[in-house]
Amino acid sequence: MVGGAIALVTRLIRRRLGQELPEEIKSRLSQLPLPVLEDLSEALLDFRSLGNLEQWLASHGNAS
């Protein structure tokens, strides 16, 4: 289930930002637990740049 959530969030971010994600970001996403991925799926609607994603991961990426 987490694998499907990771794939979906990755696709949504790619579509929102209009660019492929760097491997380092993909790796970080793959380590997020499901509740954090769910939060990210809502937050990404406000992202305007890769920097927004990086900031979000910096503040939420270690949550479990």
PDB file of N, CA and C in Angstrom:
ATOM      1  N   MET A   1       0.820  -1.196   0.000  1.00  0.00           N
ATOM      2  CA  MET A   1       0.000   0.000   0.000  1.00  0.00           C
ATOM      3  C   MET A   1       0.868   1.265   0.000  1.00  0.00           C
ATOM      4  N   VAL A   2       1.938   1.245   0.778  1.00  0.00           N
ATOM      5  CA  VAL A   2       2.823   2.408   0.810  1.00  0.00           C
ATOM      6  C   VAL A   2       3.464   2.624  -0.555  1.00  0.00           C
ATOM      7  N   GLY A   3       3.825   1.523  -1.235  1.00  0.00           N
ATOM      8  CA  GLY A   3       4.434   1.640  -2.563  1.00  0.00           C
ATOM      9  C   GLY A   3       3.524   2.349  -3.547  1.00  0.00           C
ATOM     10  N   GLY A   4       2.236   2.030  -3.491  1.00  0.00           N
ATOM     11  CA  GLY A   4       1.274   2.695  -4.362  1.00  0.00           C
ATOM     12  C   GLY A   4       1.120   4.168  -4.024  1.00  0.00           C
ATOM     13  N   ALA A   5       1.153   4.475  -2.733  1.00  0.00           N
ATOM     14  CA  ALA A   5       1.052   5.872  -2.302  1.00  0.00           C
ATOM     15  C   ALA A   5       2.270   6.663  -2.753  1.00  0.00           C
ATOM     16  N   ILE A   6       3.442   6.056  -2.656  1.00  0.00           N
ATOM     17  CA  ILE A   6       4.673   6.721  -3.100  1.00  0.00           C
ATOM     18  C   ILE A   6       4.596   7.018  -4.592  1.00  0.00           C
ATOM     19  N   ALA A   7       4.156   6.029  -5.366  1.00  0.00           N
ATOM     20  CA  ALA A   7       4.055   6.209  -6.814  1.00  0.00           C
ATOM     21  C   ALA A   7       3.067   7.323  -7.156  1.00  0.00           C
ATOM     22  N   LEU A   8       1.935   7.344  -6.472  1.00  0.00           N
ATOM     23  CA  LEU A   8       0.922   8.366  -6.747  1.00  0.00           C
ATOM     24  C   LEU A   8       1.420   9.758  -6.373  1.00  0.00           C
ATOM     25  N   VAL A   9       1.985   9.902  -5.188  1.00  0.00           N
ATOM     26  CA  VAL A   9       2.487  11.210  -4.757  1.00  0.00           C
ATOM     27  C   VAL A   9       3.591  11.689  -5.695  1.00  0.00           C
ATOM     28  N   THR A  10       4.461  10.781  -6.108  1.00  0.00           N
ATOM     29  CA  THR A  10       5.535  11.143  -7.039  1.00  0.00           C
ATOM     30  C   THR A  10       4.955  11.659  -8.355  1.00  0.00           C
ATOM     31  N   ARG A  11       3.951  10.972  -8.879  1.00  0.00           N
ATOM     32  CA  ARG A  11       3.314  11.414 -10.128  1.00  0.00           C
ATOM     33  C   ARG A  11       2.642  12.770  -9.963  1.00  0.00           C
ATOM     34  N   LEU A  12       1.963  12.959  -8.847  1.00  0.00           N
ATOM     35  CA  LEU A  12       1.287  14.239  -8.609  1.00  0.00           C
ATOM     36  C   LEU A  12       2.282  15.389  -8.504  1.00  0.00           C
ATOM     37  N   ILE A  13       3.381  15.158  -7.804  1.00  0.00           N
ATOM     38  CA  ILE A  13       4.402  16.207  -7.679  1.00  0.00           C
ATOM     39  C   ILE A  13       5.003  16.514  -9.043  1.00  0.00           C
ATOM     40  N   ARG A  14       5.320  15.470  -9.789  1.00  0.00           N
ATOM     41  CA  ARG A  14       5.900  15.661 -11.127  1.00  0.00           C
ATOM     42  C   ARG A  14       4.943  16.469 -12.003  1.00  0.00           C
ATOM     43  N   ARG A  15       3.682  16.170 -11.928  1.00  0.00           N
ATOM     44  CA  ARG A  15       2.683  16.897 -12.727  1.00  0.00           C
ATOM     45  C   ARG A  15       2.553  18.344 -12.242  1.00  0.00           C
ATOM     46  N   ARG A  16       2.547  18.523 -10.933  1.00  0.00           N
ATOM     47  CA  ARG A  16       2.390  19.867 -10.358  1.00  0.00           C
ATOM     48  C   ARG A  16       3.565  20.770 -10.705  1.00  0.00           C
ATOM     49  N   LEU A  17       4.782  20.218 -10.613  1.00  0.00           N
ATOM     50  CA  LEU A  17       5.978  21.026 -10.829  1.00  0.00           C
ATOM     51  C   LEU A  17       6.447  21.019 -12.277  1.00  0.00           C
ATOM     52  N   GLY A  18       5.953  20.089 -13.075  1.00  0.00           N
ATOM     53  CA  GLY A  18       6.321  20.042 -14.481  1.00  0.00           C
ATOM     54  C   GLY A  18       7.744  19.598 -14.742  1.00  0.00           C
ATOM     55  N   GLN A  19       8.285  18.793 -13.836  1.00  0.00           N
ATOM     56  CA  GLN A  19       9.654  18.310 -14.027  1.00  0.00           C
ATOM     57  C   GLN A  19       9.845  16.977 -13.313  1.00  0.00           C
ATOM     58  N   GLU A  20      10.834  16.232 -13.774  1.00  0.00           N
ATOM     59  CA  GLU A  20      11.202  14.988 -13.105  1.00  0.00           C
ATOM     60  C   GLU A  20      11.837  15.308 -11.762  1.00  0.00           C
ATOM     61  N   LEU A  21      11.633  14.429 -10.807  1.00  0.00           N
ATOM     62  CA  LEU A  21      12.231  14.631  -9.491  1.00  0.00           C
ATOM     63  C   LEU A  21      13.641  14.060  -9.453  1.00  0.00           C
ATOM     64  N   PRO A  22      14.548  14.748  -8.788  1.00  0.00           N
ATOM     65  CA  PRO A  22      15.898  14.207  -8.620  1.00  0.00           C
ATOM     66  C   PRO A  22      15.851  12.888  -7.837  1.00  0.00           C
ATOM     67  N   GLU A  23      16.808  12.020  -8.096  1.00  0.00           N
ATOM     68  CA  GLU A  23      16.852  10.721  -7.421  1.00  0.00           C
ATOM     69  C   GLU A  23      16.897  10.870  -5.904  1.00  0.00           C
ATOM     70  N   GLU A  24      17.591  11.885  -5.415  1.00  0.00           N
ATOM     71  CA  GLU A  24      17.690  12.099  -3.969  1.00  0.00           C
ATOM     72  C   GLU A  24      16.309  12.361  -3.363  1.00  0.00           C
ATOM     73  N   ILE A  25      15.476  13.111  -4.069  1.00  0.00           N
ATOM     74  CA  ILE A  25      14.117  13.392  -3.591  1.00  0.00           C
ATOM     75  C   ILE A  25      13.280  12.119  -3.646  1.00  0.00           C
ATOM     76  N   LYS A  26      13.389  11.364  -4.725  1.00  0.00           N
ATOM     77  CA  LYS A  26      12.646  10.101  -4.829  1.00  0.00           C
ATOM     78  C   LYS A  26      13.013   9.164  -3.692  1.00  0.00           C
ATOM     79  N   SER A  27      14.288   9.124  -3.360  1.00  0.00           N
ATOM     80  CA  SER A  27      14.753   8.279  -2.265  1.00  0.00           C
ATOM     81  C   SER A  27      14.143   8.727  -0.939  1.00  0.00           C
ATOM     82  N   ARG A  28      14.113  10.016  -0.727  1.00  0.00           N
ATOM     83  CA  ARG A  28      13.516  10.540   0.513  1.00  0.00           C
ATOM     84  C   ARG A  28      12.028  10.223   0.582  1.00  0.00           C
ATOM     85  N   LEU A  29      11.336  10.347  -0.542  1.00  0.00           N
ATOM     86  CA  LEU A  29       9.910  10.031  -0.565  1.00  0.00           C
ATOM     87  C   LEU A  29       9.664   8.562  -0.236  1.00  0.00           C
ATOM     88  N   SER A  30      10.522   7.692  -0.736  1.00  0.00           N
ATOM     89  CA  SER A  30      10.336   6.255  -0.525  1.00  0.00           C
ATOM     90  C   SER A  30      10.508   5.849   0.934  1.00  0.00           C
ATOM     91  N   GLN A  31      11.078   6.714   1.739  1.00  0.00           N
ATOM     92  CA  GLN A  31      11.292   6.410   3.152  1.00  0.00           C
ATOM     93  C   GLN A  31      10.192   6.962   4.062  1.00  0.00           C
ATOM     94  N   LEU A  32       9.259   7.697   3.492  1.00  0.00           N
ATOM     95  CA  LEU A  32       8.205   8.306   4.305  1.00  0.00           C
ATOM     96  C   LEU A  32       7.130   7.288   4.665  1.00  0.00           C
ATOM     97  N   PRO A  33       6.658   7.324   5.905  1.00  0.00           N
ATOM     98  CA  PRO A  33       5.542   6.457   6.293  1.00  0.00           C
ATOM     99  C   PRO A  33       4.232   6.960   5.679  1.00  0.00           C
ATOM    100  N   LEU A  34       3.255   6.098   5.611  1.00  0.00           N
ATOM    101  CA  LEU A  34       1.982   6.414   4.959  1.00  0.00           C
ATOM    102  C   LEU A  34       1.312   7.686   5.497  1.00  0.00           C
ATOM    103  N   PRO A  35       1.223   7.905   6.807  1.00  0.00           N
ATOM    104  CA  PRO A  35       0.572   9.146   7.268  1.00  0.00           C
ATOM    105  C   PRO A  35       1.263  10.417   6.758  1.00  0.00           C
ATOM    106  N   VAL A  36       2.573  10.383   6.638  1.00  0.00           N
ATOM    107  CA  VAL A  36       3.309  11.548   6.136  1.00  0.00           C
ATOM    108  C   VAL A  36       3.061  11.711   4.641  1.00  0.00           C
ATOM    109  N   LEU A  37       3.000  10.607   3.904  1.00  0.00           N
ATOM    110  CA  LEU A  37       2.676  10.672   2.474  1.00  0.00           C
ATOM    111  C   LEU A  37       1.280  11.259   2.262  1.00  0.00           C
ATOM    112  N   GLU A  38       0.353  10.895   3.138  1.00  0.00           N
ATOM    113  CA  GLU A  38      -0.996  11.448   3.031  1.00  0.00           C
ATOM    114  C   GLU A  38      -0.981  12.959   3.252  1.00  0.00           C
ATOM    115  N   ASP A  39      -0.212  13.413   4.241  1.00  0.00           N
ATOM    116  CA  ASP A  39      -0.083  14.856   4.471  1.00  0.00           C
ATOM    117  C   ASP A  39       0.546  15.543   3.258  1.00  0.00           C
ATOM    118  N   LEU A  40       1.557  14.918   2.691  1.00  0.00           N
ATOM    119  CA  LEU A  40       2.234  15.474   1.521  1.00  0.00           C
ATOM    120  C   LEU A  40       1.289  15.569   0.332  1.00  0.00           C
ATOM    121  N   SER A  41       0.401  14.587   0.187  1.00  0.00           N
ATOM    122  CA  SER A  41      -0.525  14.601  -0.952  1.00  0.00           C
ATOM    123  C   SER A  41      -1.431  15.828  -0.927  1.00  0.00           C
ATOM    124  N   GLU A  42      -1.709  16.359   0.254  1.00  0.00           N
ATOM    125  CA  GLU A  42      -2.486  17.595   0.359  1.00  0.00           C
ATOM    126  C   GLU A  42      -1.595  18.822   0.204  1.00  0.00           C
ATOM    127  N   ALA A  43      -0.448  18.800   0.851  1.00  0.00           N
ATOM    128  CA  ALA A  43       0.450  19.957   0.830  1.00  0.00           C
ATOM    129  C   ALA A  43       0.949  20.272  -0.575  1.00  0.00           C
ATOM    130  N   LEU A  44       1.158  19.239  -1.392  1.00  0.00           N
ATOM    131  CA  LEU A  44       1.741  19.460  -2.722  1.00  0.00           C
ATOM    132  C   LEU A  44       0.862  20.320  -3.616  1.00  0.00           C
ATOM    133  N   LEU A  45      -0.410  20.441  -3.268  1.00  0.00           N
ATOM    134  CA  LEU A  45      -1.297  21.284  -4.068  1.00  0.00           C
ATOM    135  C   LEU A  45      -0.892  22.755  -4.019  1.00  0.00           C
ATOM    136  N   ASP A  46      -0.146  23.128  -2.980  1.00  0.00           N
ATOM    137  CA  ASP A  46       0.307  24.514  -2.834  1.00  0.00           C
ATOM    138  C   ASP A  46       1.722  24.744  -3.343  1.00  0.00           C
ATOM    139  N   PHE A  47       2.416  23.692  -3.733  1.00  0.00           N
ATOM    140  CA  PHE A  47       3.807  23.833  -4.172  1.00  0.00           C
ATOM    141  C   PHE A  47       3.879  24.570  -5.504  1.00  0.00           C
ATOM    142  N   ARG A  48       4.887  25.439  -5.609  1.00  0.00           N
ATOM    143  CA  ARG A  48       5.143  26.163  -6.852  1.00  0.00           C
ATOM    144  C   ARG A  48       6.507  25.815  -7.431  1.00  0.00           C
ATOM    145  N   SER A  49       7.354  25.178  -6.601  1.00  0.00           N
ATOM    146  CA  SER A  49       8.709  24.869  -7.054  1.00  0.00           C
ATOM    147  C   SER A  49       9.245  23.664  -6.301  1.00  0.00           C
ATOM    148  N   LEU A  50      10.342  23.133  -6.811  1.00  0.00           N
ATOM    149  CA  LEU A  50      11.024  22.036  -6.141  1.00  0.00           C
ATOM    150  C   LEU A  50      11.490  22.472  -4.753  1.00  0.00           C
ATOM    151  N   GLY A  51      11.822  23.746  -4.615  1.00  0.00           N
ATOM    152  CA  GLY A  51      12.222  24.281  -3.320  1.00  0.00           C
ATOM    153  C   GLY A  51      11.126  24.145  -2.272  1.00  0.00           C
ATOM    154  N   ASN A  52       9.862  24.322  -2.690  1.00  0.00           N
ATOM    155  CA  ASN A  52       8.750  24.132  -1.757  1.00  0.00           C
ATOM    156  C   ASN A  52       8.712  22.699  -1.246  1.00  0.00           C
ATOM    157  N   LEU A  53       8.913  21.743  -2.145  1.00  0.00           N
ATOM    158  CA  LEU A  53       8.945  20.334  -1.758  1.00  0.00           C
ATOM    159  C   LEU A  53      10.107  20.064  -0.813  1.00  0.00           C
ATOM    160  N   GLU A  54      11.271  20.597  -1.131  1.00  0.00           N
ATOM    161  CA  GLU A  54      12.444  20.379  -0.285  1.00  0.00           C
ATOM    162  C   GLU A  54      12.227  20.963   1.108  1.00  0.00           C
ATOM    163  N   GLN A  55      11.607  22.139   1.190  1.00  0.00           N
ATOM    164  CA  GLN A  55      11.310  22.737   2.497  1.00  0.00           C
ATOM    165  C   GLN A  55      10.331  21.875   3.277  1.00  0.00           C
ATOM    166  N   TRP A  56       9.316  21.381   2.590  1.00  0.00           N
ATOM    167  CA  TRP A  56       8.325  20.543   3.255  1.00  0.00           C
ATOM    168  C   TRP A  56       8.985  19.272   3.784  1.00  0.00           C
ATOM    169  N   LEU A  57       9.805  18.642   2.970  1.00  0.00           N
ATOM    170  CA  LEU A  57      10.489  17.426   3.411  1.00  0.00           C
ATOM    171  C   LEU A  57      11.411  17.701   4.595  1.00  0.00           C
ATOM    172  N   ALA A  58      12.065  18.847   4.594  1.00  0.00           N
ATOM    173  CA  ALA A  58      12.966  19.188   5.697  1.00  0.00           C
ATOM    174  C   ALA A  58      12.202  19.310   7.015  1.00  0.00           C
ATOM    175  N   SER A  59      10.976  19.798   6.945  1.00  0.00           N
ATOM    176  CA  SER A  59      10.219  19.980   8.180  1.00  0.00           C
ATOM    177  C   SER A  59       9.317  18.802   8.541  1.00  0.00           C
ATOM    178  N   HIS A  60       9.034  17.920   7.586  1.00  0.00           N
ATOM    179  CA  HIS A  60       8.138  16.790   7.844  1.00  0.00           C
ATOM    180  C   HIS A  60       8.768  15.429   7.573  1.00  0.00           C
ATOM    181  N   GLY A  61       9.890  15.413   6.911  1.00  0.00           N
ATOM    182  CA  GLY A  61      10.471  14.155   6.449  1.00  0.00           C
ATOM    183  C   GLY A  61      10.892  13.193   7.523  1.00  0.00           C
ATOM    184  N   ASN A  62      11.121  13.664   8.729  1.00  0.00           N
ATOM    185  CA  ASN A  62      11.539  12.769   9.798  1.00  0.00           C
ATOM    186  C   ASN A  62      10.379  12.329  10.674  1.00  0.00           C
ATOM    187  N   ALA A  63       9.174  12.766  10.342  1.00  0.00           N
ATOM    188  CA  ALA A  63       8.006  12.359  11.125  1.00  0.00           C
ATOM    189  C   ALA A  63       7.679  10.907  10.845  1.00  0.00           C
ATOM    190  N   SER A  64       7.151  10.246  11.829  1.00  0.00           N
ATOM    191  CA  SER A  64       6.753   8.846  11.621  1.00  0.00           C
ATOM    192  C   SER A  64       5.401   8.572  12.222  1.00  0.00           C
TER     193      SER A  64
END
